Amino acid sequence: MTSAIIVAAGKGTRMGANVDKLWLEVAGRPVVAHTWQRFNDSPVIAEIILVVRDGMQLHFTELAEKFHFQKTFRLVVGGAERQDSVWNGLAAVARTMEIVTIQDAARPCTSEALIVATIQAARATGAAVAAQPVTDTIKETADGQVISRTVDRSKLWSVQTPQTFRVEVIRRAISAAREKNLRLTDDTAACELIGQPVRLVNSASPNPKVTVPGDLPFVASLLKDN
């Protein structure tokens, strides 16, 4: 059985002051409601853990009622950093769950096919991540102003969510990072720390994250087409 952790405790500072991107309306509902809907409707997900900022619990409960989300869910308070929020979410995962898939709440276009593919890969390997090969030319700079060199993109991939794991694997990986006082912004980096292989799962369909205001029109167009 598979649990989904939706990480919704961040503030999204790049969107602008006093703007909570998760609650911006796009295609008729808040961004986070679209993300939640994807996992609520997925037949391969048995439960949903939403990691939220303290004080926001009532807002999420009301969201579930408004959009008739029927799947079992629990609300967990997030931590100081994303890694802490994931750790808190893992503590709430039911003991019967073998697999956990971790999703950014601000990534509302994730397809059912991608969710399933990462789960299958995690069952086989222990860890998997949605990703796309880098297609742009990549430049490195030392000072942020002048190009230092061109980076070979042939081996580069851009990782996304869902990031999916056997439950015991990700608990062991994040525990190792916490013991070393490391602050990792990516769950697969914790797997690298313990030598756990992570399978790349090609995200064939657009799977953008809402980060800056300019992302909203593109996300809206994708959601309206689905």
N, C-alpha and C. Protein backbone atom coordinates (compact mmCIF):
# COMPACT_ATOMS: atom_id res chain seq x y z
N MET A 1 0.84 -1.20 0.00
CA MET A 1 0.00 0.00 0.00
C MET A 1 0.87 1.25 0.00
N THR A 2 0.34 2.33 -0.55
CA THR A 2 1.12 3.55 -0.74
C THR A 2 0.47 4.74 -0.06
N SER A 3 1.29 5.49 0.66
CA SER A 3 0.87 6.74 1.29
C SER A 3 1.44 7.91 0.49
N ALA A 4 0.72 9.01 0.42
CA ALA A 4 1.22 10.22 -0.22
C ALA A 4 1.40 11.31 0.83
N ILE A 5 2.58 11.92 0.83
CA ILE A 5 2.83 13.09 1.67
C ILE A 5 2.86 14.31 0.75
N ILE A 6 1.94 15.22 0.98
CA ILE A 6 1.92 16.48 0.22
C ILE A 6 2.49 17.57 1.12
N VAL A 7 3.63 18.12 0.71
CA VAL A 7 4.34 19.10 1.53
C VAL A 7 3.78 20.48 1.21
N ALA A 8 3.04 21.05 2.16
CA ALA A 8 2.33 22.31 1.95
C ALA A 8 2.61 23.31 3.07
N ALA A 9 3.81 23.22 3.66
CA ALA A 9 4.12 24.07 4.81
C ALA A 9 5.00 25.25 4.47
N GLY A 10 5.50 25.33 3.22
CA GLY A 10 6.39 26.41 2.84
C GLY A 10 5.66 27.73 2.63
N LYS A 11 6.44 28.81 2.58
CA LYS A 11 5.87 30.14 2.41
C LYS A 11 5.96 30.66 0.98
N GLY A 12 6.81 30.03 0.14
CA GLY A 12 6.90 30.44 -1.25
C GLY A 12 7.33 31.89 -1.41
N THR A 13 8.46 32.26 -0.81
CA THR A 13 8.88 33.66 -0.79
C THR A 13 9.18 34.23 -2.17
N ARG A 14 9.51 33.37 -3.14
CA ARG A 14 9.82 33.87 -4.48
C ARG A 14 8.59 34.37 -5.22
N MET A 15 7.40 34.06 -4.72
CA MET A 15 6.18 34.54 -5.35
C MET A 15 5.94 36.01 -5.03
N GLY A 16 6.52 36.49 -3.92
CA GLY A 16 6.34 37.88 -3.54
C GLY A 16 5.90 38.00 -2.10
N ALA A 17 6.07 39.19 -1.55
CA ALA A 17 5.72 39.42 -0.15
C ALA A 17 4.22 39.21 0.09
N ASN A 18 3.91 38.54 1.21
CA ASN A 18 2.52 38.36 1.65
C ASN A 18 1.66 37.60 0.64
N VAL A 19 2.30 36.76 -0.16
CA VAL A 19 1.56 35.95 -1.14
C VAL A 19 1.81 34.47 -0.83
N ASP A 20 0.75 33.73 -0.55
CA ASP A 20 0.86 32.28 -0.35
C ASP A 20 0.44 31.62 -1.65
N LYS A 21 1.43 31.15 -2.39
CA LYS A 21 1.15 30.64 -3.75
C LYS A 21 0.19 29.46 -3.75
N LEU A 22 0.16 28.68 -2.67
CA LEU A 22 -0.69 27.50 -2.65
C LEU A 22 -2.17 27.86 -2.69
N TRP A 23 -2.49 29.08 -2.28
CA TRP A 23 -3.89 29.48 -2.21
C TRP A 23 -4.29 30.42 -3.33
N LEU A 24 -3.37 30.65 -4.26
CA LEU A 24 -3.73 31.42 -5.44
C LEU A 24 -4.68 30.60 -6.31
N GLU A 25 -5.71 31.24 -6.83
CA GLU A 25 -6.68 30.51 -7.64
C GLU A 25 -6.19 30.38 -9.06
N VAL A 26 -6.26 29.17 -9.58
CA VAL A 26 -5.90 28.89 -10.96
C VAL A 26 -6.87 27.84 -11.49
N ALA A 27 -7.43 28.06 -12.64
CA ALA A 27 -8.41 27.14 -13.24
C ALA A 27 -9.53 26.79 -12.25
N GLY A 28 -9.99 27.82 -11.52
CA GLY A 28 -11.19 27.66 -10.71
C GLY A 28 -11.02 27.20 -9.28
N ARG A 29 -9.80 26.95 -8.86
CA ARG A 29 -9.59 26.53 -7.47
C ARG A 29 -8.16 26.83 -7.04
N PRO A 30 -7.87 26.79 -5.73
CA PRO A 30 -6.50 27.05 -5.29
C PRO A 30 -5.52 26.01 -5.84
N VAL A 31 -4.28 26.44 -6.02
CA VAL A 31 -3.23 25.54 -6.52
C VAL A 31 -3.20 24.24 -5.72
N VAL A 32 -3.19 24.35 -4.40
CA VAL A 32 -3.07 23.15 -3.55
C VAL A 32 -4.26 22.21 -3.72
N ALA A 33 -5.43 22.76 -4.05
CA ALA A 33 -6.60 21.89 -4.26
C ALA A 33 -6.43 21.02 -5.50
N HIS A 34 -5.81 21.55 -6.53
CA HIS A 34 -5.53 20.74 -7.73
C HIS A 34 -4.59 19.59 -7.39
N THR A 35 -3.53 19.91 -6.63
CA THR A 35 -2.55 18.88 -6.26
C THR A 35 -3.22 17.80 -5.42
N TRP A 36 -3.96 18.21 -4.44
CA TRP A 36 -4.66 17.28 -3.55
C TRP A 36 -5.61 16.40 -4.37
N GLN A 37 -6.32 16.99 -5.33
CA GLN A 37 -7.26 16.25 -6.17
C GLN A 37 -6.57 15.10 -6.90
N ARG A 38 -5.36 15.35 -7.40
CA ARG A 38 -4.62 14.31 -8.14
C ARG A 38 -4.44 13.06 -7.30
N PHE A 39 -4.08 13.26 -6.04
CA PHE A 39 -3.80 12.11 -5.18
C PHE A 39 -5.06 11.55 -4.54
N ASN A 40 -6.05 12.40 -4.34
CA ASN A 40 -7.34 11.92 -3.87
C ASN A 40 -7.98 10.97 -4.88
N ASP A 41 -7.81 11.29 -6.17
CA ASP A 41 -8.44 10.50 -7.22
C ASP A 41 -7.63 9.28 -7.65
N SER A 42 -6.38 9.22 -7.23
CA SER A 42 -5.51 8.13 -7.69
C SER A 42 -5.86 6.81 -6.99
N PRO A 43 -6.18 5.77 -7.72
CA PRO A 43 -6.52 4.49 -7.09
C PRO A 43 -5.34 3.79 -6.43
N VAL A 44 -4.10 4.23 -6.73
CA VAL A 44 -2.94 3.57 -6.14
C VAL A 44 -2.53 4.20 -4.81
N ILE A 45 -3.19 5.26 -4.39
CA ILE A 45 -2.87 5.94 -3.14
C ILE A 45 -3.90 5.56 -2.08
N ALA A 46 -3.43 5.06 -0.94
CA ALA A 46 -4.33 4.60 0.12
C ALA A 46 -4.65 5.67 1.14
N GLU A 47 -3.73 6.60 1.37
CA GLU A 47 -3.95 7.66 2.35
C GLU A 47 -3.13 8.88 1.95
N ILE A 48 -3.50 10.03 2.48
CA ILE A 48 -2.81 11.27 2.18
C ILE A 48 -2.43 11.97 3.49
N ILE A 49 -1.17 12.36 3.59
CA ILE A 49 -0.69 13.15 4.71
C ILE A 49 -0.39 14.55 4.17
N LEU A 50 -1.03 15.57 4.70
CA LEU A 50 -0.75 16.95 4.30
C LEU A 50 0.06 17.62 5.40
N VAL A 51 1.24 18.09 5.05
CA VAL A 51 2.10 18.77 6.02
C VAL A 51 1.88 20.26 5.82
N VAL A 52 1.35 20.93 6.85
CA VAL A 52 0.89 22.31 6.72
C VAL A 52 1.49 23.19 7.81
N ARG A 53 1.40 24.50 7.60
CA ARG A 53 1.84 25.43 8.64
C ARG A 53 0.84 25.41 9.79
N ASP A 54 1.36 25.53 11.00
CA ASP A 54 0.47 25.57 12.16
C ASP A 54 -0.47 26.77 12.04
N GLY A 55 -1.72 26.54 12.32
CA GLY A 55 -2.73 27.57 12.18
C GLY A 55 -3.52 27.47 10.89
N MET A 56 -3.05 26.61 9.96
CA MET A 56 -3.72 26.46 8.67
C MET A 56 -4.61 25.22 8.62
N GLN A 57 -4.69 24.48 9.70
CA GLN A 57 -5.40 23.21 9.68
C GLN A 57 -6.87 23.38 9.27
N LEU A 58 -7.53 24.39 9.82
CA LEU A 58 -8.95 24.59 9.51
C LEU A 58 -9.15 24.89 8.03
N HIS A 59 -8.23 25.65 7.43
CA HIS A 59 -8.33 25.98 6.01
C HIS A 59 -8.29 24.72 5.14
N PHE A 60 -7.43 23.77 5.53
CA PHE A 60 -7.33 22.54 4.75
C PHE A 60 -8.54 21.64 4.97
N THR A 61 -9.06 21.61 6.19
CA THR A 61 -10.27 20.84 6.46
C THR A 61 -11.44 21.38 5.65
N GLU A 62 -11.54 22.70 5.59
CA GLU A 62 -12.61 23.32 4.80
C GLU A 62 -12.42 23.06 3.31
N LEU A 63 -11.16 23.00 2.87
CA LEU A 63 -10.88 22.72 1.46
C LEU A 63 -11.36 21.32 1.09
N ALA A 64 -11.10 20.36 1.99
CA ALA A 64 -11.54 18.99 1.75
C ALA A 64 -13.06 18.90 1.64
N GLU A 65 -13.74 19.66 2.49
CA GLU A 65 -15.21 19.66 2.45
C GLU A 65 -15.73 20.32 1.18
N LYS A 66 -15.12 21.42 0.80
CA LYS A 66 -15.58 22.17 -0.38
C LYS A 66 -15.48 21.35 -1.66
N PHE A 67 -14.35 20.62 -1.80
CA PHE A 67 -14.11 19.88 -3.04
C PHE A 67 -14.39 18.38 -2.91
N HIS A 68 -14.97 17.99 -1.79
CA HIS A 68 -15.45 16.63 -1.58
C HIS A 68 -14.32 15.59 -1.71
N PHE A 69 -13.20 15.87 -1.09
CA PHE A 69 -12.11 14.90 -1.07
C PHE A 69 -12.47 13.79 -0.07
N GLN A 70 -12.61 12.59 -0.56
CA GLN A 70 -13.12 11.48 0.24
C GLN A 70 -12.03 10.58 0.83
N LYS A 71 -10.85 10.63 0.25
CA LYS A 71 -9.79 9.72 0.70
C LYS A 71 -9.31 10.09 2.09
N THR A 72 -8.95 9.09 2.88
CA THR A 72 -8.43 9.32 4.23
C THR A 72 -7.24 10.26 4.20
N PHE A 73 -7.31 11.31 5.03
CA PHE A 73 -6.17 12.23 5.10
C PHE A 73 -5.92 12.64 6.55
N ARG A 74 -4.67 13.02 6.80
CA ARG A 74 -4.27 13.54 8.10
C ARG A 74 -3.49 14.82 7.89
N LEU A 75 -3.63 15.76 8.82
CA LEU A 75 -2.91 17.02 8.78
C LEU A 75 -1.80 16.99 9.81
N VAL A 76 -0.60 17.34 9.38
CA VAL A 76 0.58 17.34 10.24
C VAL A 76 1.23 18.71 10.14
N VAL A 77 1.71 19.22 11.27
CA VAL A 77 2.37 20.52 11.27
C VAL A 77 3.80 20.37 10.75
N GLY A 78 4.18 21.27 9.86
CA GLY A 78 5.51 21.23 9.26
C GLY A 78 6.60 21.70 10.21
N GLY A 79 7.85 21.54 9.76
CA GLY A 79 9.00 21.95 10.55
C GLY A 79 9.66 23.20 9.99
N ALA A 80 10.83 23.51 10.52
CA ALA A 80 11.53 24.73 10.13
C ALA A 80 11.98 24.69 8.67
N GLU A 81 12.38 23.52 8.20
CA GLU A 81 12.86 23.34 6.82
C GLU A 81 12.05 22.24 6.15
N ARG A 82 12.14 22.15 4.83
CA ARG A 82 11.39 21.13 4.10
C ARG A 82 11.71 19.73 4.62
N GLN A 83 12.99 19.47 4.88
CA GLN A 83 13.39 18.16 5.38
C GLN A 83 12.69 17.83 6.69
N ASP A 84 12.53 18.83 7.56
CA ASP A 84 11.84 18.62 8.83
C ASP A 84 10.35 18.34 8.60
N SER A 85 9.78 19.01 7.61
CA SER A 85 8.37 18.78 7.29
C SER A 85 8.14 17.36 6.77
N VAL A 86 9.04 16.90 5.90
CA VAL A 86 8.93 15.53 5.40
C VAL A 86 9.07 14.53 6.55
N TRP A 87 9.99 14.79 7.44
CA TRP A 87 10.20 13.91 8.59
C TRP A 87 8.93 13.82 9.44
N ASN A 88 8.29 14.97 9.67
CA ASN A 88 7.04 14.98 10.42
C ASN A 88 5.95 14.21 9.68
N GLY A 89 5.93 14.35 8.36
CA GLY A 89 4.96 13.61 7.57
C GLY A 89 5.18 12.10 7.64
N LEU A 90 6.43 11.69 7.60
CA LEU A 90 6.75 10.27 7.68
C LEU A 90 6.29 9.66 9.01
N ALA A 91 6.35 10.45 10.07
CA ALA A 91 5.93 9.96 11.38
C ALA A 91 4.43 9.65 11.41
N ALA A 92 3.67 10.26 10.50
CA ALA A 92 2.22 10.07 10.47
C ALA A 92 1.77 8.98 9.50
N VAL A 93 2.70 8.42 8.73
CA VAL A 93 2.34 7.38 7.77
C VAL A 93 1.91 6.11 8.50
N ALA A 94 0.83 5.53 8.06
CA ALA A 94 0.31 4.32 8.71
C ALA A 94 1.31 3.17 8.61
N ARG A 95 1.33 2.32 9.60
CA ARG A 95 2.29 1.22 9.66
C ARG A 95 2.10 0.22 8.53
N THR A 96 0.91 0.17 7.97
CA THR A 96 0.64 -0.79 6.91
C THR A 96 1.20 -0.35 5.56
N MET A 97 1.70 0.87 5.45
CA MET A 97 2.19 1.39 4.17
C MET A 97 3.60 0.89 3.87
N GLU A 98 3.79 0.41 2.66
CA GLU A 98 5.10 -0.05 2.20
C GLU A 98 5.85 1.02 1.43
N ILE A 99 5.09 1.84 0.70
CA ILE A 99 5.66 2.86 -0.19
C ILE A 99 5.11 4.22 0.22
N VAL A 100 5.95 5.24 0.11
CA VAL A 100 5.48 6.61 0.33
C VAL A 100 5.94 7.47 -0.84
N THR A 101 5.03 8.27 -1.36
CA THR A 101 5.36 9.20 -2.44
C THR A 101 5.24 10.62 -1.90
N ILE A 102 6.26 11.43 -2.12
CA ILE A 102 6.33 12.77 -1.55
C ILE A 102 6.16 13.79 -2.67
N GLN A 103 5.22 14.71 -2.48
CA GLN A 103 4.81 15.64 -3.53
C GLN A 103 4.86 17.08 -3.05
N ASP A 104 5.39 17.98 -3.88
CA ASP A 104 5.28 19.41 -3.62
C ASP A 104 3.82 19.82 -3.81
N ALA A 105 3.28 20.54 -2.85
CA ALA A 105 1.89 20.99 -2.98
C ALA A 105 1.73 21.97 -4.13
N ALA A 106 2.82 22.64 -4.51
CA ALA A 106 2.76 23.63 -5.59
C ALA A 106 3.00 23.03 -6.97
N ARG A 107 2.88 21.71 -7.07
CA ARG A 107 3.05 21.04 -8.38
C ARG A 107 1.73 20.36 -8.73
N PRO A 108 0.79 21.12 -9.32
CA PRO A 108 -0.59 20.64 -9.45
C PRO A 108 -0.93 19.86 -10.71
N CYS A 109 0.02 19.65 -11.59
CA CYS A 109 -0.29 19.02 -12.89
C CYS A 109 0.22 17.58 -13.00
N THR A 110 0.72 17.01 -11.93
CA THR A 110 1.28 15.66 -11.97
C THR A 110 0.24 14.64 -12.44
N SER A 111 0.64 13.83 -13.40
CA SER A 111 -0.31 12.88 -13.99
C SER A 111 -0.38 11.59 -13.17
N GLU A 112 -1.50 10.90 -13.33
CA GLU A 112 -1.66 9.59 -12.70
C GLU A 112 -0.60 8.61 -13.20
N ALA A 113 -0.28 8.68 -14.49
CA ALA A 113 0.72 7.78 -15.06
C ALA A 113 2.08 7.98 -14.39
N LEU A 114 2.43 9.22 -14.08
CA LEU A 114 3.71 9.49 -13.44
C LEU A 114 3.71 9.01 -12.00
N ILE A 115 2.61 9.21 -11.29
CA ILE A 115 2.51 8.69 -9.92
C ILE A 115 2.73 7.19 -9.92
N VAL A 116 2.03 6.49 -10.80
CA VAL A 116 2.14 5.02 -10.88
C VAL A 116 3.56 4.60 -11.24
N ALA A 117 4.16 5.29 -12.19
CA ALA A 117 5.50 4.91 -12.65
C ALA A 117 6.55 5.06 -11.55
N THR A 118 6.44 6.11 -10.74
CA THR A 118 7.43 6.27 -9.66
C THR A 118 7.22 5.23 -8.57
N ILE A 119 5.97 4.85 -8.34
CA ILE A 119 5.70 3.81 -7.34
C ILE A 119 6.28 2.47 -7.80
N GLN A 120 6.08 2.14 -9.06
CA GLN A 120 6.62 0.89 -9.59
C GLN A 120 8.14 0.87 -9.52
N ALA A 121 8.76 1.99 -9.86
CA ALA A 121 10.22 2.05 -9.82
C ALA A 121 10.75 1.98 -8.39
N ALA A 122 10.04 2.58 -7.45
CA ALA A 122 10.46 2.53 -6.05
C ALA A 122 10.33 1.12 -5.49
N ARG A 123 9.31 0.40 -5.91
CA ARG A 123 9.18 -0.99 -5.45
C ARG A 123 10.37 -1.83 -5.92
N ALA A 124 10.83 -1.54 -7.13
CA ALA A 124 11.93 -2.32 -7.71
C ALA A 124 13.29 -1.90 -7.17
N THR A 125 13.49 -0.61 -6.96
CA THR A 125 14.82 -0.07 -6.65
C THR A 125 14.96 0.40 -5.20
N GLY A 126 13.84 0.82 -4.61
CA GLY A 126 13.88 1.39 -3.27
C GLY A 126 13.63 2.87 -3.26
N ALA A 127 13.97 3.54 -4.36
CA ALA A 127 13.77 4.99 -4.46
C ALA A 127 13.65 5.39 -5.93
N ALA A 128 12.80 6.37 -6.20
CA ALA A 128 12.60 6.84 -7.57
C ALA A 128 12.18 8.29 -7.55
N VAL A 129 12.45 8.98 -8.66
CA VAL A 129 12.10 10.39 -8.74
C VAL A 129 11.66 10.75 -10.15
N ALA A 130 10.60 11.54 -10.23
CA ALA A 130 10.18 12.09 -11.52
C ALA A 130 11.24 13.09 -11.98
N ALA A 131 11.60 13.04 -13.24
CA ALA A 131 12.68 13.90 -13.73
C ALA A 131 12.58 14.05 -15.25
N GLN A 132 13.25 15.07 -15.74
CA GLN A 132 13.33 15.28 -17.19
C GLN A 132 14.77 15.59 -17.56
N PRO A 133 15.25 15.07 -18.69
CA PRO A 133 16.60 15.42 -19.13
C PRO A 133 16.68 16.91 -19.45
N VAL A 134 17.81 17.51 -19.10
CA VAL A 134 18.01 18.94 -19.36
C VAL A 134 18.20 19.14 -20.87
N THR A 135 17.45 20.07 -21.44
CA THR A 135 17.54 20.33 -22.87
C THR A 135 18.17 21.68 -23.18
N ASP A 136 18.15 22.59 -22.24
CA ASP A 136 18.79 23.90 -22.46
C ASP A 136 20.31 23.76 -22.34
N THR A 137 21.02 24.66 -23.01
CA THR A 137 22.47 24.75 -22.80
C THR A 137 22.72 25.33 -21.42
N ILE A 138 23.60 24.70 -20.65
CA ILE A 138 23.87 25.10 -19.27
C ILE A 138 25.22 25.77 -19.17
N LYS A 139 25.23 26.94 -18.54
CA LYS A 139 26.46 27.69 -18.32
C LYS A 139 26.77 27.78 -16.82
N GLU A 140 28.05 27.77 -16.49
CA GLU A 140 28.48 27.97 -15.11
C GLU A 140 29.13 29.34 -14.99
N THR A 141 28.88 30.01 -13.87
CA THR A 141 29.49 31.32 -13.64
C THR A 141 30.01 31.39 -12.22
N ALA A 142 31.13 32.03 -12.04
CA ALA A 142 31.74 32.16 -10.71
C ALA A 142 31.19 33.36 -9.95
N ASP A 143 30.82 34.41 -10.68
CA ASP A 143 30.41 35.65 -10.02
C ASP A 143 28.97 36.06 -10.30
N GLY A 144 28.24 35.26 -11.04
CA GLY A 144 26.87 35.59 -11.36
C GLY A 144 26.72 36.60 -12.48
N GLN A 145 27.81 36.95 -13.12
CA GLN A 145 27.76 37.97 -14.17
C GLN A 145 28.41 37.52 -15.48
N VAL A 146 29.50 36.77 -15.37
CA VAL A 146 30.26 36.37 -16.55
C VAL A 146 30.32 34.84 -16.62
N ILE A 147 30.13 34.29 -17.82
CA ILE A 147 30.19 32.84 -17.99
C ILE A 147 31.61 32.32 -17.74
N SER A 148 31.70 31.25 -16.94
CA SER A 148 32.98 30.61 -16.70
C SER A 148 33.22 29.46 -17.67
N ARG A 149 32.14 28.65 -17.89
CA ARG A 149 32.29 27.52 -18.81
C ARG A 149 30.92 26.99 -19.19
N THR A 150 30.89 26.18 -20.23
CA THR A 150 29.68 25.47 -20.64
C THR A 150 29.70 24.07 -20.04
N VAL A 151 28.60 23.69 -19.42
CA VAL A 151 28.51 22.39 -18.76
C VAL A 151 27.91 21.37 -19.73
N ASP A 152 28.48 20.17 -19.75
CA ASP A 152 27.96 19.10 -20.59
C ASP A 152 26.60 18.68 -20.07
N ARG A 153 25.56 18.91 -20.85
CA ARG A 153 24.20 18.61 -20.39
C ARG A 153 23.78 17.17 -20.64
N SER A 154 24.59 16.40 -21.31
CA SER A 154 24.17 15.06 -21.74
C SER A 154 23.87 14.13 -20.56
N LYS A 155 24.44 14.43 -19.39
CA LYS A 155 24.21 13.59 -18.22
C LYS A 155 23.37 14.29 -17.15
N LEU A 156 22.79 15.43 -17.50
CA LEU A 156 22.06 16.23 -16.52
C LEU A 156 20.55 16.01 -16.62
N TRP A 157 19.92 15.85 -15.46
CA TRP A 157 18.48 15.72 -15.36
C TRP A 157 17.96 16.72 -14.33
N SER A 158 16.78 17.26 -14.59
CA SER A 158 16.10 18.14 -13.65
C SER A 158 15.06 17.32 -12.89
N VAL A 159 15.21 17.25 -11.57
CA VAL A 159 14.30 16.41 -10.79
C VAL A 159 13.08 17.21 -10.33
N GLN A 160 11.99 16.48 -10.15
CA GLN A 160 10.70 17.07 -9.78
C GLN A 160 10.14 16.27 -8.60
N THR A 161 8.85 16.34 -8.41
CA THR A 161 8.12 15.40 -7.57
C THR A 161 6.98 14.86 -8.44
N PRO A 162 6.51 13.64 -8.12
CA PRO A 162 6.74 12.90 -6.90
C PRO A 162 8.13 12.25 -6.81
N GLN A 163 8.60 12.19 -5.54
CA GLN A 163 9.79 11.42 -5.19
C GLN A 163 9.28 10.29 -4.30
N THR A 164 9.53 9.07 -4.71
CA THR A 164 8.83 7.92 -4.14
C THR A 164 9.82 6.89 -3.61
N PHE A 165 9.49 6.29 -2.45
CA PHE A 165 10.45 5.46 -1.74
C PHE A 165 9.75 4.31 -1.03
N ARG A 166 10.50 3.25 -0.80
CA ARG A 166 10.08 2.32 0.25
C ARG A 166 10.16 3.09 1.56
N VAL A 167 9.18 2.91 2.42
CA VAL A 167 9.08 3.72 3.63
C VAL A 167 10.35 3.61 4.48
N GLU A 168 10.86 2.39 4.65
CA GLU A 168 12.04 2.23 5.51
C GLU A 168 13.28 2.88 4.92
N VAL A 169 13.33 2.97 3.59
CA VAL A 169 14.49 3.58 2.92
C VAL A 169 14.54 5.08 3.20
N ILE A 170 13.44 5.79 2.99
CA ILE A 170 13.47 7.24 3.17
C ILE A 170 13.59 7.61 4.65
N ARG A 171 13.03 6.81 5.53
CA ARG A 171 13.21 7.08 6.96
C ARG A 171 14.68 6.95 7.35
N ARG A 172 15.32 5.93 6.84
CA ARG A 172 16.74 5.73 7.16
C ARG A 172 17.59 6.84 6.55
N ALA A 173 17.24 7.26 5.33
CA ALA A 173 18.02 8.28 4.64
C ALA A 173 17.92 9.63 5.34
N ILE A 174 16.70 10.05 5.67
CA ILE A 174 16.54 11.36 6.32
C ILE A 174 17.09 11.32 7.74
N SER A 175 16.97 10.18 8.40
CA SER A 175 17.56 10.05 9.73
C SER A 175 19.07 10.26 9.68
N ALA A 176 19.72 9.71 8.65
CA ALA A 176 21.16 9.89 8.49
C ALA A 176 21.51 11.36 8.27
N ALA A 177 20.71 12.05 7.46
CA ALA A 177 20.95 13.48 7.23
C ALA A 177 20.77 14.29 8.50
N ARG A 178 19.78 13.94 9.29
CA ARG A 178 19.53 14.66 10.55
C ARG A 178 20.67 14.42 11.54
N GLU A 179 21.18 13.21 11.57
CA GLU A 179 22.30 12.91 12.48
C GLU A 179 23.55 13.70 12.14
N LYS A 180 23.71 14.01 10.86
CA LYS A 180 24.87 14.79 10.41
C LYS A 180 24.58 16.29 10.37
N ASN A 181 23.39 16.68 10.82
CA ASN A 181 22.97 18.09 10.82
C ASN A 181 23.01 18.69 9.42
N LEU A 182 22.68 17.88 8.41
CA LEU A 182 22.62 18.36 7.04
C LEU A 182 21.21 18.85 6.73
N ARG A 183 21.11 19.94 5.98
CA ARG A 183 19.82 20.48 5.56
C ARG A 183 19.70 20.29 4.05
N LEU A 184 18.95 19.29 3.65
CA LEU A 184 18.81 18.95 2.24
C LEU A 184 17.46 19.40 1.73
N THR A 185 17.44 20.03 0.57
CA THR A 185 16.18 20.51 0.00
C THR A 185 15.52 19.48 -0.91
N ASP A 186 16.17 18.35 -1.08
CA ASP A 186 15.69 17.31 -1.99
C ASP A 186 15.79 15.97 -1.28
N ASP A 187 14.70 15.20 -1.28
CA ASP A 187 14.67 13.94 -0.55
C ASP A 187 15.61 12.90 -1.14
N THR A 188 15.81 12.93 -2.46
CA THR A 188 16.72 11.95 -3.05
C THR A 188 18.16 12.20 -2.64
N ALA A 189 18.50 13.44 -2.26
CA ALA A 189 19.86 13.73 -1.80
C ALA A 189 20.16 12.96 -0.51
N ALA A 190 19.14 12.74 0.31
CA ALA A 190 19.33 11.94 1.52
C ALA A 190 19.63 10.49 1.15
N CYS A 191 19.01 9.99 0.08
CA CYS A 191 19.31 8.64 -0.38
C CYS A 191 20.75 8.53 -0.88
N GLU A 192 21.21 9.55 -1.58
CA GLU A 192 22.60 9.57 -2.04
C GLU A 192 23.55 9.48 -0.84
N LEU A 193 23.17 10.11 0.25
CA LEU A 193 23.99 10.13 1.46
C LEU A 193 24.24 8.72 2.01
N ILE A 194 23.24 7.84 1.89
CA ILE A 194 23.38 6.48 2.42
C ILE A 194 23.70 5.46 1.34
N GLY A 195 23.96 5.93 0.12
CA GLY A 195 24.31 5.02 -0.96
C GLY A 195 23.14 4.29 -1.57
N GLN A 196 21.92 4.80 -1.38
CA GLN A 196 20.73 4.18 -1.94
C GLN A 196 20.53 4.61 -3.38
N PRO A 197 20.51 3.68 -4.34
CA PRO A 197 20.25 4.06 -5.74
C PRO A 197 18.86 4.67 -5.90
N VAL A 198 18.78 5.67 -6.76
CA VAL A 198 17.51 6.34 -7.05
C VAL A 198 17.24 6.24 -8.54
N ARG A 199 16.12 5.64 -8.91
CA ARG A 199 15.76 5.46 -10.31
C ARG A 199 15.14 6.75 -10.87
N LEU A 200 15.64 7.20 -12.01
CA LEU A 200 15.05 8.34 -12.71
C LEU A 200 13.84 7.86 -13.50
N VAL A 201 12.71 8.53 -13.34
CA VAL A 201 11.49 8.20 -14.07
C VAL A 201 11.16 9.39 -14.96
N ASN A 202 11.25 9.19 -16.25
CA ASN A 202 11.06 10.29 -17.20
C ASN A 202 9.64 10.84 -17.14
N SER A 203 9.54 12.11 -16.84
CA SER A 203 8.26 12.79 -16.79
C SER A 203 7.92 13.29 -18.19
N ALA A 204 7.14 12.51 -18.91
CA ALA A 204 6.89 12.81 -20.32
C ALA A 204 5.97 14.02 -20.50
N SER A 205 5.01 14.19 -19.59
CA SER A 205 4.09 15.32 -19.69
C SER A 205 4.59 16.49 -18.85
N PRO A 206 4.21 17.72 -19.17
CA PRO A 206 4.62 18.86 -18.36
C PRO A 206 4.18 18.69 -16.90
N ASN A 207 5.09 18.98 -15.99
CA ASN A 207 4.84 18.78 -14.56
C ASN A 207 5.42 19.95 -13.78
N PRO A 208 5.01 21.19 -14.12
CA PRO A 208 5.65 22.37 -13.55
C PRO A 208 5.29 22.61 -12.09
N LYS A 209 6.18 23.35 -11.42
CA LYS A 209 5.94 23.81 -10.05
C LYS A 209 5.66 25.30 -10.09
N VAL A 210 4.65 25.73 -9.34
CA VAL A 210 4.34 27.15 -9.25
C VAL A 210 5.36 27.79 -8.30
N THR A 211 6.21 28.64 -8.86
CA THR A 211 7.28 29.26 -8.08
C THR A 211 7.22 30.78 -8.14
N VAL A 212 7.03 31.32 -9.33
CA VAL A 212 6.96 32.76 -9.54
C VAL A 212 5.66 33.10 -10.26
N PRO A 213 5.20 34.37 -10.23
CA PRO A 213 3.92 34.72 -10.85
C PRO A 213 3.81 34.30 -12.31
N GLY A 214 4.92 34.33 -13.05
CA GLY A 214 4.88 33.97 -14.45
C GLY A 214 4.55 32.52 -14.72
N ASP A 215 4.58 31.67 -13.68
CA ASP A 215 4.25 30.25 -13.87
C ASP A 215 2.74 30.03 -14.00
N LEU A 216 1.94 30.93 -13.47
CA LEU A 216 0.50 30.69 -13.36
C LEU A 216 -0.22 30.54 -14.70
N PRO A 217 0.04 31.38 -15.69
CA PRO A 217 -0.68 31.19 -16.97
C PRO A 217 -0.42 29.83 -17.61
N PHE A 218 0.84 29.36 -17.56
CA PHE A 218 1.16 28.06 -18.15
C PHE A 218 0.46 26.94 -17.39
N VAL A 219 0.51 27.01 -16.07
CA VAL A 219 -0.16 25.99 -15.25
C VAL A 219 -1.66 26.01 -15.51
N ALA A 220 -2.23 27.18 -15.62
CA ALA A 220 -3.67 27.29 -15.89
C ALA A 220 -4.04 26.63 -17.21
N SER A 221 -3.20 26.82 -18.22
CA SER A 221 -3.48 26.23 -19.54
C SER A 221 -3.43 24.71 -19.47
N LEU A 222 -2.49 24.17 -18.69
CA LEU A 222 -2.38 22.72 -18.56
C LEU A 222 -3.58 22.15 -17.80
N LEU A 223 -4.00 22.83 -16.75
CA LEU A 223 -5.11 22.33 -15.95
C LEU A 223 -6.43 22.39 -16.71
N LYS A 224 -6.60 23.39 -17.53
CA LYS A 224 -7.83 23.51 -18.31
C LYS A 224 -7.92 22.44 -19.38
N ASP A 225 -6.76 21.93 -19.81
CA ASP A 225 -6.75 20.89 -20.84
C ASP A 225 -7.00 19.50 -20.26
N ASN A 226 -6.91 19.38 -18.91
CA ASN A 226 -7.08 18.08 -18.27
C ASN A 226 -8.49 17.89 -17.76
